[in-house]
Each structure stands twice: as structure tokens, then as C-alpha cells.
Protein backbone atom coordinates (compact mmCIF):
# COMPACT_ATOMS: atom_id res chain seq x y z
CA MET A 1 119.85 54.15 33.78
CA LEU A 2 116.10 54.84 33.66
CA ARG A 3 114.04 55.38 36.75
CA CYS A 4 110.35 55.72 36.12
CA GLY A 5 107.45 54.47 38.16
CA GLY A 6 109.79 52.91 40.69
CA ALA A 7 111.50 50.67 38.13
CA VAL A 8 115.21 51.06 37.49
CA MET A 9 116.55 49.61 34.25
CA THR A 10 119.45 50.36 32.02
CA ARG A 11 118.80 50.81 28.32
CA GLU A 12 120.82 47.63 27.69
CA ALA A 13 118.63 45.65 30.11
CA GLU A 14 115.50 46.90 28.36
CA ARG A 15 116.91 45.84 24.99
CA ALA A 16 117.77 42.41 26.40
CA GLU A 17 114.22 42.03 27.74
CA GLY A 18 112.77 43.18 24.43
CA THR A 19 110.93 46.03 26.09
CA VAL A 20 112.34 48.82 23.95
CA ALA A 21 109.46 50.33 22.03
CA SER A 22 109.00 49.70 18.36
CA SER A 23 109.16 53.42 17.58
CA GLY A 24 112.94 53.08 17.37
CA THR A 25 113.65 56.59 18.58
CA GLU A 26 115.56 57.38 21.74
CA ARG A 27 113.37 60.13 23.21
CA VAL A 28 113.52 59.29 26.91
CA ALA A 29 113.81 62.42 29.01
CA ARG A 30 117.03 62.75 31.00
CA SER A 31 115.65 64.53 34.04
CA TRP A 32 113.93 62.53 36.76
CA LEU A 33 111.32 65.28 37.13
CA ALA A 34 110.55 65.30 33.39
CA ARG A 35 110.24 61.49 33.32
CA SER A 36 107.94 61.60 36.34
CA MET A 37 105.74 64.23 34.68
CA TRP A 38 105.55 62.21 31.44
CA PHE A 39 104.78 59.07 33.48
CA GLY A 40 101.94 60.82 35.33
CA ALA A 41 100.55 62.25 32.10
CA GLY A 42 100.72 58.81 30.50
CA TRP A 43 98.76 57.18 33.31
CA PHE A 44 96.25 60.03 33.27
CA ALA A 45 95.69 59.37 29.55
CA VAL A 46 95.37 55.62 30.20
CA THR A 47 92.81 56.32 32.93
CA VAL A 48 90.72 58.64 30.74
CA GLY A 49 91.03 56.18 27.83
CA GLY A 50 89.89 53.36 30.13
CA ILE A 51 86.85 55.40 31.14
CA GLY A 52 86.22 55.95 27.42
CA VAL A 53 85.68 52.21 27.02
CA VAL A 54 82.38 52.50 28.89
CA VAL A 55 81.43 56.17 28.33
CA PRO A 56 80.00 56.87 24.87
CA GLY A 57 81.60 59.79 23.07
CA LEU A 58 84.90 59.60 24.98
CA PRO A 59 87.56 58.34 22.57
CA THR A 60 89.64 55.47 23.94
CA THR A 61 92.14 55.20 21.09
CA GLY A 62 92.99 58.91 21.08
CA PHE A 63 93.90 58.85 24.75
CA MET A 64 95.91 55.65 24.28
CA ILE A 65 97.86 57.36 21.48
CA ILE A 66 98.60 60.19 23.92
CA ALA A 67 99.58 57.66 26.60
CA ALA A 68 102.00 55.90 24.24
CA ALA A 69 103.58 59.24 23.34
CA CYS A 70 103.98 60.14 27.03
CA PHE A 71 105.42 56.74 27.94
CA ALA A 72 107.85 56.96 25.01
CA ARG A 73 109.43 59.87 26.85
CA CYS A 74 109.78 58.11 30.21
CA SER A 75 109.41 54.34 29.95
CA PRO A 76 109.74 52.31 26.77
CA ARG A 77 108.40 49.34 28.74
CA PHE A 78 105.05 51.05 29.37
CA GLU A 79 105.01 52.37 25.82
CA GLN A 80 105.26 48.77 24.62
CA TRP A 81 102.54 47.79 27.11
CA VAL A 82 100.15 50.30 25.47
CA LEU A 83 101.12 49.01 22.01
CA ASP A 84 100.39 45.43 23.13
CA LEU A 85 96.95 46.17 24.62
CA PRO A 86 94.20 44.09 23.05
CA GLY A 87 91.68 46.12 21.11
CA VAL A 88 93.54 49.42 20.92
CA GLY A 89 97.23 48.54 20.72
CA ARG A 90 97.15 47.74 17.03
CA SER A 91 95.25 50.95 16.27
CA VAL A 92 97.81 52.99 18.24
CA ALA A 93 100.69 51.31 16.40
CA ASP A 94 98.98 51.84 13.03
CA TYR A 95 98.42 55.52 13.77
CA ARG A 96 102.01 56.02 14.91
CA SER A 97 103.39 54.30 11.83
CA GLY A 98 101.35 56.61 9.60
CA LEU A 99 98.73 54.09 8.48
CA GLY A 100 95.89 56.08 9.98
CA MET A 101 92.43 54.66 10.65
CA PRO A 102 90.46 51.99 8.83
CA LYS A 103 87.50 53.40 6.86
CA ARG A 104 85.00 51.67 9.14
CA ALA A 105 86.61 53.26 12.21
CA LYS A 106 86.53 56.70 10.57
CA VAL A 107 82.83 56.36 9.73
CA THR A 108 82.05 55.16 13.26
CA ALA A 109 84.08 57.96 14.87
CA ILE A 110 82.42 60.65 12.77
CA ALA A 111 78.95 59.21 13.41
CA MET A 112 79.56 59.11 17.16
CA MET A 113 80.88 62.68 17.11
CA VAL A 114 77.84 63.94 15.21
CA ILE A 115 75.46 62.12 17.58
CA ALA A 116 77.23 63.40 20.71
CA ILE A 117 77.42 66.97 19.38
CA SER A 118 73.79 66.92 18.26
CA LEU A 119 72.57 65.64 21.63
CA SER A 120 74.75 68.10 23.55
CA THR A 121 73.78 71.17 21.54
CA GLY A 122 70.18 70.23 20.86
CA LEU A 123 68.99 68.87 24.16
CA LEU A 124 71.41 69.63 26.95
CA LEU A 125 72.68 73.18 26.47
CA ASP A 126 70.87 76.50 26.66
CA ASN A 127 73.86 78.83 26.27
CA MET A 128 74.22 79.81 22.58
CA ALA A 129 77.93 80.63 22.86
CA LEU A 130 78.64 77.19 24.32
CA ARG A 131 76.52 75.55 21.63
CA LEU A 132 78.43 77.33 18.87
CA SER A 133 81.80 76.47 20.39
CA ILE A 134 80.87 72.77 20.61
CA ILE A 135 79.59 72.80 17.04
CA GLY A 136 82.79 74.53 15.92
CA ALA A 137 84.96 72.00 17.73
CA GLY A 138 82.91 69.20 16.18
CA ILE A 139 83.38 70.61 12.68
CA VAL A 140 87.14 70.82 13.25
CA GLY A 141 87.17 67.24 14.58
CA VAL A 142 85.22 65.87 11.62
CA TRP A 143 87.39 67.83 9.18
CA TYR A 144 90.54 66.52 10.85
CA ILE A 145 89.42 62.89 10.62
CA ILE A 146 88.31 63.22 7.01
CA ARG A 147 91.18 65.30 5.63
CA ARG A 148 94.21 64.81 7.89
CA VAL A 149 94.00 61.22 9.16
CA PRO A 150 94.95 58.75 6.43
CA THR A 151 92.60 55.90 5.64
CA ALA A 152 94.32 52.61 6.42
CA PRO A 153 93.98 49.65 4.09
CA PRO A 154 91.47 47.03 5.25
CA ARG A 155 92.85 44.65 7.86
CA THR A 156 93.10 41.00 7.02
CA SER A 157 91.95 38.40 9.48
CA ARG A 158 94.32 35.92 11.06
CA THR A 159 92.93 33.07 8.94
CA GLU A 160 93.59 35.00 5.72
CA GLU A 161 97.15 35.77 6.85
CA ASP A 162 97.79 32.11 7.73
CA ALA A 163 96.43 30.90 4.38
CA THR A 164 98.96 32.96 2.41
């Protein structure tokens, strides 16, 4: 029986409802305390990701990936909710399945990182050590996106999928 966020469901009931996550792995924590911690961390990531929708430079998809990972450990129902979110759900699912990011998203992410880092270090900060640490973190972030995150094949539109 799972108890997370006030909801009590057996694994069989979740399967019957179709709420078991598509990840296919049974990683739900056994301890109530652990599930509660994962649940809180998941909602924290959803909150920060939601703020990222309106705040430039704050990555929404990254925090939703974290939220899905947290919810996978406490509530497959909420994990599926993140995967079904319009706008980011497909990107989260693609990342988790190993497809990575579309080329356009990679270019946009890197451009936004460079702009945010340039503005922060060039205009807003006077401390040289802080400037260098932000530049270093930016270099690592750009390297990670370019070298470690796979480039997903271009997505087809719904009309192209229906035509085939």
C-alpha cells in the first residue's frame, strides 16, 4: 500500500487506474518518511520549475525532470502527472528515455545560458571570485549540454504523424 500526499493506493489499484509510471521500474521507497521527503522534494522542484516558466534563465524542464525522478520514488501517479504536463511532459519523457534534447532546444538553452552568464558577470557582479565561479559553472553547463546530452531527432507534427 502506498501512502503519499494523503492518498492511499495499492500498487494493484494504481495499475488498474493506469497511473503506474511509464518508467517501468519499481523504485517506490518503503518508508513513510522517505516517501514524504521525496514527495516534498518533488513539489519543491515543480514549484521552482513553475517559477522558471516566467523567470528568464531558470530552467523549467530541468526542474520537471528532477520532480519526475522524486515522484517516481514516492508516487507513480504524480510522476505520470509530470510526464503528462503540456509543454514539458514530452521533453521530460524524451530525456528519461535517453532521447535527449532536440537541436533547437539545445541551441536555445545554450544561448540563454550565455546571455544570463554574460549579464550576471558583466553588469551585476563586482566580486571577481563570484564572477569566475559563475563563468566556470556556465562553461560546465554548456559543455554538458553539448557533449553529454544526446541530440534528439526532430519531432514530427501531429499532421505528419496522421498522414503516415
